[in-house]
PDB file of N, CA and C in Angstrom:
ATOM      1  N   UNK A   1       0.847  -1.180   0.000  1.00  0.00           N
ATOM      2  CA  UNK A   1       0.000   0.000   0.000  1.00  0.00           C
ATOM      3  C   UNK A   1       0.888   1.237   0.000  1.00  0.00           C
ATOM      4  N   UNK A   2       0.421   2.262  -0.660  1.00  0.00           N
ATOM      5  CA  UNK A   2       1.180   3.509  -0.722  1.00  0.00           C
ATOM      6  C   UNK A   2       0.240   4.681  -0.506  1.00  0.00           C
ATOM      7  N   UNK A   3       0.791   5.786   0.004  1.00  0.00           N
ATOM      8  CA  UNK A   3       0.031   7.007   0.131  1.00  0.00           C
ATOM      9  C   UNK A   3      -0.850   7.094   1.364  1.00  0.00           C
ATOM     10  N   UNK A   4      -0.667   6.201   2.318  1.00  0.00           N
ATOM     11  CA  UNK A   4      -1.497   6.263   3.521  1.00  0.00           C
ATOM     12  C   UNK A   4      -0.892   7.224   4.539  1.00  0.00           C
ATOM     13  N   UNK A   5      -1.680   7.588   5.523  1.00  0.00           N
ATOM     14  CA  UNK A   5      -1.196   8.420   6.624  1.00  0.00           C
ATOM     15  C   UNK A   5      -1.455   7.757   7.965  1.00  0.00           C
ATOM     16  N   UNK A   6      -2.252   6.681   7.977  1.00  0.00           N
ATOM     17  CA  UNK A   6      -2.642   6.012   9.210  1.00  0.00           C
ATOM     18  C   UNK A   6      -2.798   4.520   8.930  1.00  0.00           C
ATOM     19  N   UNK A   7      -2.318   3.686   9.843  1.00  0.00           N
ATOM     20  CA  UNK A   7      -2.398   2.239   9.661  1.00  0.00           C
ATOM     21  C   UNK A   7      -3.051   1.607  10.878  1.00  0.00           C
ATOM     22  N   UNK A   8      -3.767   0.514  10.656  1.00  0.00           N
ATOM     23  CA  UNK A   8      -4.304  -0.289  11.757  1.00  0.00           C
ATOM     24  C   UNK A   8      -3.670  -1.668  11.637  1.00  0.00           C
ATOM     25  N   UNK A   9      -3.154  -2.184  12.760  1.00  0.00           N
ATOM     26  CA  UNK A   9      -2.548  -3.503  12.764  1.00  0.00           C
ATOM     27  C   UNK A   9      -3.182  -4.353  13.858  1.00  0.00           C
ATOM     28  N   UNK A  10      -3.227  -5.649  13.629  1.00  0.00           N
ATOM     29  CA  UNK A  10      -3.836  -6.568  14.583  1.00  0.00           C
ATOM     30  C   UNK A  10      -2.807  -7.597  15.013  1.00  0.00           C
ATOM     31  N   UNK A  11      -2.083  -7.310  16.098  1.00  0.00           N
ATOM     32  CA  UNK A  11      -1.140  -8.286  16.622  1.00  0.00           C
ATOM     33  C   UNK A  11      -1.855  -9.310  17.499  1.00  0.00           C
ATOM     34  N   UNK A  12      -3.131  -9.105  17.805  1.00  0.00           N
ATOM     35  CA  UNK A  12      -3.921 -10.058  18.566  1.00  0.00           C
ATOM     36  C   UNK A  12      -4.170 -11.341  17.797  1.00  0.00           C
ATOM     37  N   UNK A  13      -4.161 -11.241  16.479  1.00  0.00           N
ATOM     38  CA  UNK A  13      -4.356 -12.419  15.634  1.00  0.00           C
ATOM     39  C   UNK A  13      -3.298 -13.483  15.909  1.00  0.00           C
ATOM     40  N   UNK A  14      -2.111 -13.040  16.305  1.00  0.00           N
ATOM     41  CA  UNK A  14      -1.007 -13.957  16.576  1.00  0.00           C
ATOM     42  C   UNK A  14      -0.894 -14.301  18.056  1.00  0.00           C
ATOM     43  N   UNK A  15      -1.892 -13.889  18.855  1.00  0.00           N
ATOM     44  CA  UNK A  15      -1.901 -14.203  20.278  1.00  0.00           C
ATOM     45  C   UNK A  15      -1.358 -13.096  21.159  1.00  0.00           C
ATOM     46  N   UNK A  16      -0.920 -11.999  20.556  1.00  0.00           N
ATOM     47  CA  UNK A  16      -0.361 -10.898  21.339  1.00  0.00           C
ATOM     48  C   UNK A  16      -1.427 -10.120  22.076  1.00  0.00           C
ATOM     49  N   UNK A  17      -1.061  -9.630  23.256  1.00  0.00           N
ATOM     50  CA  UNK A  17      -1.983  -8.814  24.027  1.00  0.00           C
ATOM     51  C   UNK A  17      -1.611  -7.345  23.906  1.00  0.00           C
ATOM     52  N   UNK A  18      -0.369  -7.022  24.216  1.00  0.00           N
ATOM     53  CA  UNK A  18       0.097  -5.644  24.135  1.00  0.00           C
ATOM     54  C   UNK A  18       1.345  -5.582  23.268  1.00  0.00           C
ATOM     55  N   UNK A  19       1.495  -4.476  22.565  1.00  0.00           N
ATOM     56  CA  UNK A  19       2.679  -4.250  21.744  1.00  0.00           C
ATOM     57  C   UNK A  19       2.799  -2.753  21.483  1.00  0.00           C
ATOM     58  N   UNK A  20       3.935  -2.357  20.994  1.00  0.00           N
ATOM     59  CA  UNK A  20       4.141  -0.980  20.559  1.00  0.00           C
ATOM     60  C   UNK A  20       4.387  -1.016  19.055  1.00  0.00           C
ATOM     61  N   UNK A  21       3.339  -0.788  18.269  1.00  0.00           N
ATOM     62  CA  UNK A  21       3.517  -0.841  16.813  1.00  0.00           C
ATOM     63  C   UNK A  21       4.449   0.272  16.338  1.00  0.00           C
ATOM     64  N   UNK A  22       5.216  -0.022  15.311  1.00  0.00           N
ATOM     65  CA  UNK A  22       6.158   0.940  14.743  1.00  0.00           C
ATOM     66  C   UNK A  22       5.512   1.606  13.535  1.00  0.00           C
ATOM     67  N   UNK A  23       5.622   2.921  13.489  1.00  0.00           N
ATOM     68  CA  UNK A  23       5.035   3.696  12.390  1.00  0.00           C
ATOM     69  C   UNK A  23       5.808   3.424  11.102  1.00  0.00           C
ATOM     70  N   UNK A  24       5.082   3.149  10.036  1.00  0.00           N
ATOM     71  CA  UNK A  24       5.692   2.962   8.717  1.00  0.00           C
ATOM     72  C   UNK A  24       5.735   4.307   8.005  1.00  0.00           C
ATOM     73  N   UNK A  25       6.931   4.758   7.620  1.00  0.00           N
ATOM     74  CA  UNK A  25       7.069   6.020   6.896  1.00  0.00           C
ATOM     75  C   UNK A  25       6.303   5.930   5.583  1.00  0.00           C
ATOM     76  N   UNK A  26       5.536   6.904   5.169  1.00  0.00           N
ATOM     77  CA  UNK A  26       5.370   8.250   5.683  1.00  0.00           C
ATOM     78  C   UNK A  26       4.149   8.422   6.592  1.00  0.00           C
ATOM     79  N   UNK A  27       3.609   7.320   7.123  1.00  0.00           N
ATOM     80  CA  UNK A  27       2.452   7.423   8.017  1.00  0.00           C
ATOM     81  C   UNK A  27       2.796   8.279   9.234  1.00  0.00           C
ATOM     82  N   UNK A  28       1.755   8.789   9.885  1.00  0.00           N
ATOM     83  CA  UNK A  28       1.966   9.592  11.095  1.00  0.00           C
ATOM     84  C   UNK A  28       1.470   8.871  12.345  1.00  0.00           C
ATOM     85  N   UNK A  29       0.739   7.750  12.162  1.00  0.00           N
ATOM     86  CA  UNK A  29       0.246   7.025  13.338  1.00  0.00           C
ATOM     87  C   UNK A  29      -0.130   5.600  12.948  1.00  0.00           C
ATOM     88  N   UNK A  30      -0.166   4.736  13.989  1.00  0.00           N
ATOM     89  CA  UNK A  30      -0.596   3.365  13.797  1.00  0.00           C
ATOM     90  C   UNK A  30      -1.363   2.928  15.043  1.00  0.00           C
ATOM     91  N   UNK A  31      -2.528   2.325  14.823  1.00  0.00           N
ATOM     92  CA  UNK A  31      -3.360   1.818  15.911  1.00  0.00           C
ATOM     93  C   UNK A  31      -3.201   0.308  15.951  1.00  0.00           C
ATOM     94  N   UNK A  32      -2.796  -0.218  17.105  1.00  0.00           N
ATOM     95  CA  UNK A  32      -2.633  -1.656  17.268  1.00  0.00           C
ATOM     96  C   UNK A  32      -3.749  -2.236  18.107  1.00  0.00           C
ATOM     97  N   UNK A  33      -4.240  -3.417  17.690  1.00  0.00           N
ATOM     98  CA  UNK A  33      -5.273  -4.104  18.450  1.00  0.00           C
ATOM     99  C   UNK A  33      -4.730  -5.439  18.932  1.00  0.00           C
ATOM    100  N   UNK A  34      -4.959  -5.734  20.202  1.00  0.00           N
ATOM    101  CA  UNK A  34      -4.517  -6.995  20.778  1.00  0.00           C
ATOM    102  C   UNK A  34      -5.611  -8.040  20.705  1.00  0.00           C
ATOM    103  N   UNK A  35      -5.389  -9.138  21.385  1.00  0.00           N
ATOM    104  CA  UNK A  35      -6.348 -10.233  21.408  1.00  0.00           C
ATOM    105  C   UNK A  35      -7.456  -9.919  22.408  1.00  0.00           C
ATOM    106  N   UNK A  36      -8.700 -10.101  22.001  1.00  0.00           N
ATOM    107  CA  UNK A  36      -9.834  -9.934  22.908  1.00  0.00           C
ATOM    108  C   UNK A  36      -9.825 -11.104  23.883  1.00  0.00           C
ATOM    109  N   UNK A  37      -9.914 -10.781  25.179  1.00  0.00           N
ATOM    110  CA  UNK A  37      -9.944 -11.841  26.180  1.00  0.00           C
ATOM    111  C   UNK A  37     -10.899 -11.443  27.302  1.00  0.00           C
ATOM    112  N   UNK A  38     -11.375 -12.446  28.017  1.00  0.00           N
ATOM    113  CA  UNK A  38     -12.265 -12.182  29.140  1.00  0.00           C
ATOM    114  C   UNK A  38     -11.431 -11.885  30.379  1.00  0.00           C
ATOM    115  N   UNK A  39     -11.801 -10.803  31.059  1.00  0.00           N
ATOM    116  CA  UNK A  39     -11.067 -10.348  32.247  1.00  0.00           C
ATOM    117  C   UNK A  39     -12.058  -9.919  33.307  1.00  0.00           C
ATOM    118  N   UNK A  40     -11.667 -10.013  34.590  1.00  0.00           N
ATOM    119  CA  UNK A  40     -12.513  -9.420  35.631  1.00  0.00           C
ATOM    120  C   UNK A  40     -12.455  -7.899  35.491  1.00  0.00           C
ATOM    121  N   UNK A  41     -13.608  -7.259  35.559  1.00  0.00           N
ATOM    122  CA  UNK A  41     -13.695  -5.813  35.308  1.00  0.00           C
ATOM    123  C   UNK A  41     -14.710  -5.217  36.275  1.00  0.00           C
ATOM    124  N   UNK A  42     -14.421  -4.037  36.771  1.00  0.00           N
ATOM    125  CA  UNK A  42     -15.388  -3.364  37.637  1.00  0.00           C
ATOM    126  C   UNK A  42     -16.348  -2.585  36.740  1.00  0.00           C
ATOM    127  N   UNK A  43     -17.638  -2.910  36.852  1.00  0.00           N
ATOM    128  CA  UNK A  43     -18.671  -2.249  36.054  1.00  0.00           C
ATOM    129  C   UNK A  43     -19.850  -1.942  36.970  1.00  0.00           C
ATOM    130  N   UNK A  44     -20.179  -0.658  37.089  1.00  0.00           N
ATOM    131  CA  UNK A  44     -21.259  -0.215  37.978  1.00  0.00           C
ATOM    132  C   UNK A  44     -21.059  -0.715  39.410  1.00  0.00           C
ATOM    133  N   UNK A  45     -19.817  -0.682  39.868  1.00  0.00           N
ATOM    134  CA  UNK A  45     -19.521  -1.063  41.253  1.00  0.00           C
ATOM    135  C   UNK A  45     -19.470  -2.555  41.509  1.00  0.00           C
ATOM    136  N   UNK A  46     -19.615  -3.364  40.465  1.00  0.00           N
ATOM    137  CA  UNK A  46     -19.581  -4.824  40.605  1.00  0.00           C
ATOM    138  C   UNK A  46     -18.417  -5.390  39.785  1.00  0.00           C
ATOM    139  N   UNK A  47     -17.827  -6.462  40.284  1.00  0.00           N
ATOM    140  CA  UNK A  47     -16.802  -7.148  39.511  1.00  0.00           C
ATOM    141  C   UNK A  47     -17.502  -8.165  38.619  1.00  0.00           C
ATOM    142  N   UNK A  48     -17.326  -7.995  37.311  1.00  0.00           N
ATOM    143  CA  UNK A  48     -17.963  -8.868  36.329  1.00  0.00           C
ATOM    144  C   UNK A  48     -16.899  -9.317  35.319  1.00  0.00           C
ATOM    145  N   UNK A  49     -17.213 -10.372  34.596  1.00  0.00           N
ATOM    146  CA  UNK A  49     -16.327 -10.823  33.518  1.00  0.00           C
ATOM    147  C   UNK A  49     -16.735 -10.084  32.243  1.00  0.00           C
ATOM    148  N   UNK A  50     -15.757  -9.404  31.651  1.00  0.00           N
ATOM    149  CA  UNK A  50     -16.025  -8.627  30.429  1.00  0.00           C
ATOM    150  C   UNK A  50     -15.003  -8.999  29.365  1.00  0.00           C
ATOM    151  N   UNK A  51     -15.390  -8.826  28.119  1.00  0.00           N
ATOM    152  CA  UNK A  51     -14.440  -8.981  27.021  1.00  0.00           C
ATOM    153  C   UNK A  51     -13.674  -7.672  26.889  1.00  0.00           C
ATOM    154  N   UNK A  52     -12.352  -7.767  26.889  1.00  0.00           N
ATOM    155  CA  UNK A  52     -11.493  -6.588  26.861  1.00  0.00           C
ATOM    156  C   UNK A  52     -10.622  -6.643  25.612  1.00  0.00           C
ATOM    157  N   UNK A  53     -10.572  -5.531  24.889  1.00  0.00           N
ATOM    158  CA  UNK A  53      -9.741  -5.396  23.689  1.00  0.00           C
ATOM    159  C   UNK A  53      -8.631  -4.386  23.981  1.00  0.00           C
ATOM    160  N   UNK A  54      -7.391  -4.849  24.139  1.00  0.00           N
ATOM    161  CA  UNK A  54      -6.293  -3.895  24.351  1.00  0.00           C
ATOM    162  C   UNK A  54      -5.997  -3.117  23.065  1.00  0.00           C
ATOM    163  N   UNK A  55      -5.848  -1.818  23.192  1.00  0.00           N
ATOM    164  CA  UNK A  55      -5.500  -0.954  22.060  1.00  0.00           C
ATOM    165  C   UNK A  55      -4.218  -0.195  22.386  1.00  0.00           C
ATOM    166  N   UNK A  56      -3.427   0.059  21.372  1.00  0.00           N
ATOM    167  CA  UNK A  56      -2.252   0.914  21.544  1.00  0.00           C
ATOM    168  C   UNK A  56      -2.139   1.825  20.332  1.00  0.00           C
ATOM    169  N   UNK A  57      -1.737   3.045  20.594  1.00  0.00           N
ATOM    170  CA  UNK A  57      -1.617   4.047  19.532  1.00  0.00           C
ATOM    171  C   UNK A  57      -0.204   4.612  19.549  1.00  0.00           C
ATOM    172  N   UNK A  58       0.477   4.479  18.441  1.00  0.00           N
ATOM    173  CA  UNK A  58       1.789   5.089  18.270  1.00  0.00           C
ATOM    174  C   UNK A  58       1.621   6.211  17.265  1.00  0.00           C
ATOM    175  N   UNK A  59       2.165   7.380  17.576  1.00  0.00           N
ATOM    176  CA  UNK A  59       1.993   8.524  16.678  1.00  0.00           C
ATOM    177  C   UNK A  59       3.236   9.387  16.679  1.00  0.00           C
ATOM    178  N   UNK A  60       3.384  10.176  15.642  1.00  0.00           N
ATOM    179  CA  UNK A  60       4.519  11.072  15.470  1.00  0.00           C
ATOM    180  C   UNK A  60       4.236  12.380  16.206  1.00  0.00           C
ATOM    181  N   UNK A  61       5.004  12.642  17.247  1.00  0.00           N
ATOM    182  CA  UNK A  61       4.793  13.857  18.046  1.00  0.00           C
ATOM    183  C   UNK A  61       5.088  15.138  17.258  1.00  0.00           C
ATOM    184  N   UNK A  62       5.761  15.009  16.138  1.00  0.00           N
ATOM    185  CA  UNK A  62       6.011  16.199  15.314  1.00  0.00           C
ATOM    186  C   UNK A  62       4.756  16.623  14.571  1.00  0.00           C
ATOM    187  N   UNK A  63       3.776  15.705  14.462  1.00  0.00           N
ATOM    188  CA  UNK A  63       2.560  15.977  13.704  1.00  0.00           C
ATOM    189  C   UNK A  63       1.374  16.266  14.613  1.00  0.00           C
ATOM    190  N   UNK A  64       1.285  15.541  15.718  1.00  0.00           N
ATOM    191  CA  UNK A  64       0.144  15.725  16.627  1.00  0.00           C
ATOM    192  C   UNK A  64       0.610  15.730  18.069  1.00  0.00           C
ATOM    193  N   UNK A  65      -0.198  16.335  18.907  1.00  0.00           N
ATOM    194  CA  UNK A  65       0.073  16.438  20.336  1.00  0.00           C
ATOM    195  C   UNK A  65      -0.494  15.212  21.050  1.00  0.00           C
ATOM    196  N   UNK A  66       0.103  14.842  22.174  1.00  0.00           N
ATOM    197  CA  UNK A  66      -0.366  13.693  22.943  1.00  0.00           C
ATOM    198  C   UNK A  66      -1.807  13.831  23.392  1.00  0.00           C
ATOM    199  N   UNK A  67      -2.236  15.036  23.722  1.00  0.00           N
ATOM    200  CA  UNK A  67      -3.621  15.246  24.156  1.00  0.00           C
ATOM    201  C   UNK A  67      -4.593  14.956  23.017  1.00  0.00           C
ATOM    202  N   UNK A  68      -4.252  15.399  21.803  1.00  0.00           N
ATOM    203  CA  UNK A  68      -5.115  15.130  20.642  1.00  0.00           C
ATOM    204  C   UNK A  68      -5.163  13.639  20.336  1.00  0.00           C
ATOM    205  N   UNK A  69      -4.023  12.975  20.436  1.00  0.00           N
ATOM    206  CA  UNK A  69      -3.984  11.527  20.189  1.00  0.00           C
ATOM    207  C   UNK A  69      -4.809  10.786  21.236  1.00  0.00           C
ATOM    208  N   UNK A  70      -4.747  11.226  22.477  1.00  0.00           N
ATOM    209  CA  UNK A  70      -5.531  10.609  23.543  1.00  0.00           C
ATOM    210  C   UNK A  70      -7.028  10.804  23.298  1.00  0.00           C
ATOM    211  N   UNK A  71      -7.421  11.991  22.863  1.00  0.00           N
ATOM    212  CA  UNK A  71      -8.833  12.241  22.548  1.00  0.00           C
ATOM    213  C   UNK A  71      -9.291  11.362  21.388  1.00  0.00           C
ATOM    214  N   UNK A  72      -8.429  11.177  20.392  1.00  0.00           N
ATOM    215  CA  UNK A  72      -8.757  10.313  19.266  1.00  0.00           C
ATOM    216  C   UNK A  72      -8.968   8.871  19.738  1.00  0.00           C
ATOM    217  N   UNK A  73      -8.057   8.370  20.569  1.00  0.00           N
ATOM    218  CA  UNK A  73      -8.171   6.998  21.059  1.00  0.00           C
ATOM    219  C   UNK A  73      -9.421   6.829  21.923  1.00  0.00           C
ATOM    220  N   UNK A  74      -9.743   7.823  22.720  1.00  0.00           N
ATOM    221  CA  UNK A  74     -10.971   7.783  23.519  1.00  0.00           C
ATOM    222  C   UNK A  74     -12.200   7.720  22.617  1.00  0.00           C
ATOM    223  N   UNK A  75     -12.182   8.460  21.516  1.00  0.00           N
ATOM    224  CA  UNK A  75     -13.292   8.437  20.552  1.00  0.00           C
ATOM    225  C   UNK A  75     -13.412   7.055  19.902  1.00  0.00           C
ATOM    226  N   UNK A  76     -12.282   6.460  19.526  1.00  0.00           N
ATOM    227  CA  UNK A  76     -12.289   5.118  18.943  1.00  0.00           C
ATOM    228  C   UNK A  76     -12.881   4.121  19.930  1.00  0.00           C
ATOM    229  N   UNK A  77     -12.474   4.202  21.187  1.00  0.00           N
ATOM    230  CA  UNK A  77     -12.997   3.312  22.227  1.00  0.00           C
ATOM    231  C   UNK A  77     -14.511   3.487  22.354  1.00  0.00           C
ATOM    232  N   UNK A  78     -14.970   4.719  22.327  1.00  0.00           N
ATOM    233  CA  UNK A  78     -16.407   4.988  22.402  1.00  0.00           C
ATOM    234  C   UNK A  78     -17.173   4.332  21.257  1.00  0.00           C
ATOM    235  N   UNK A  79     -16.598   4.391  20.043  1.00  0.00           N
ATOM    236  CA  UNK A  79     -17.247   3.772  18.887  1.00  0.00           C
ATOM    237  C   UNK A  79     -17.248   2.246  18.989  1.00  0.00           C
ATOM    238  N   UNK A  80     -16.183   1.673  19.532  1.00  0.00           N
ATOM    239  CA  UNK A  80     -16.134   0.220  19.702  1.00  0.00           C
ATOM    240  C   UNK A  80     -17.147  -0.224  20.748  1.00  0.00           C
ATOM    241  N   UNK A  81     -17.255   0.534  21.833  1.00  0.00           N
ATOM    242  CA  UNK A  81     -18.200   0.183  22.899  1.00  0.00           C
ATOM    243  C   UNK A  81     -19.652   0.370  22.459  1.00  0.00           C
ATOM    244  N   UNK A  82     -19.899   1.377  21.618  1.00  0.00           N
ATOM    245  CA  UNK A  82     -21.265   1.654  21.177  1.00  0.00           C
ATOM    246  C   UNK A  82     -21.249   2.081  19.706  1.00  0.00           C
ATOM    247  N   UNK A  83     -21.265   1.112  18.779  1.00  0.00           N
ATOM    248  CA  UNK A  83     -21.177   1.438  17.347  1.00  0.00           C
ATOM    249  C   UNK A  83     -22.304   2.333  16.838  1.00  0.00           C
ATOM    250  N   UNK A  84     -23.438   2.384  17.533  1.00  0.00           N
ATOM    251  CA  UNK A  84     -24.534   3.256  17.098  1.00  0.00           C
ATOM    252  C   UNK A  84     -24.114   4.725  17.091  1.00  0.00           C
ATOM    253  N   UNK A  85     -23.107   5.071  17.868  1.00  0.00           N
ATOM    254  CA  UNK A  85     -22.623   6.460  17.890  1.00  0.00           C
ATOM    255  C   UNK A  85     -22.129   6.906  16.523  1.00  0.00           C
ATOM    256  N   UNK A  86     -21.630   5.972  15.729  1.00  0.00           N
ATOM    257  CA  UNK A  86     -21.167   6.311  14.376  1.00  0.00           C
ATOM    258  C   UNK A  86     -22.298   6.907  13.554  1.00  0.00           C
ATOM    259  N   UNK A  87     -23.498   6.351  13.682  1.00  0.00           N
ATOM    260  CA  UNK A  87     -24.643   6.834  12.910  1.00  0.00           C
ATOM    261  C   UNK A  87     -25.210   8.123  13.495  1.00  0.00           C
ATOM    262  N   UNK A  88     -25.217   8.220  14.807  1.00  0.00           N
ATOM    263  CA  UNK A  88     -25.769   9.412  15.468  1.00  0.00           C
ATOM    264  C   UNK A  88     -24.882  10.625  15.177  1.00  0.00           C
ATOM    265  N   UNK A  89     -23.566  10.460  15.315  1.00  0.00           N
ATOM    266  CA  UNK A  89     -22.658  11.600  15.154  1.00  0.00           C
ATOM    267  C   UNK A  89     -22.399  11.961  13.702  1.00  0.00           C
ATOM    268  N   UNK A  90     -22.720  11.055  12.770  1.00  0.00           N
ATOM    269  CA  UNK A  90     -22.483  11.371  11.369  1.00  0.00           C
ATOM    270  C   UNK A  90     -23.675  12.101  10.727  1.00  0.00           C
ATOM    271  N   UNK A  91     -24.792  12.153  11.433  1.00  0.00           N
ATOM    272  CA  UNK A  91     -25.980  12.803  10.883  1.00  0.00           C
ATOM    273  C   UNK A  91     -25.887  14.306  10.962  1.00  0.00           C
TER     274      UNK A  91
END
């Protein structure tokens, strides 16, 4: 592929949970997804078993600020947790 600015990689396919993906030049960021696994999680004050998807974002600090990258990752998490938001916010 050529001419991209952002890449998504899935190291979870190979059994990985966490990783630090390396940006491919000339991209400015890469989002990595780990393996979905069931974990104990606190939800509404109760410990429950939830499916957890680890995400990692590597980005070029010369192009974007850490706060903006964090807001982007929070938005991605929101869309994964509730895909209906994609339709509501795009209207």
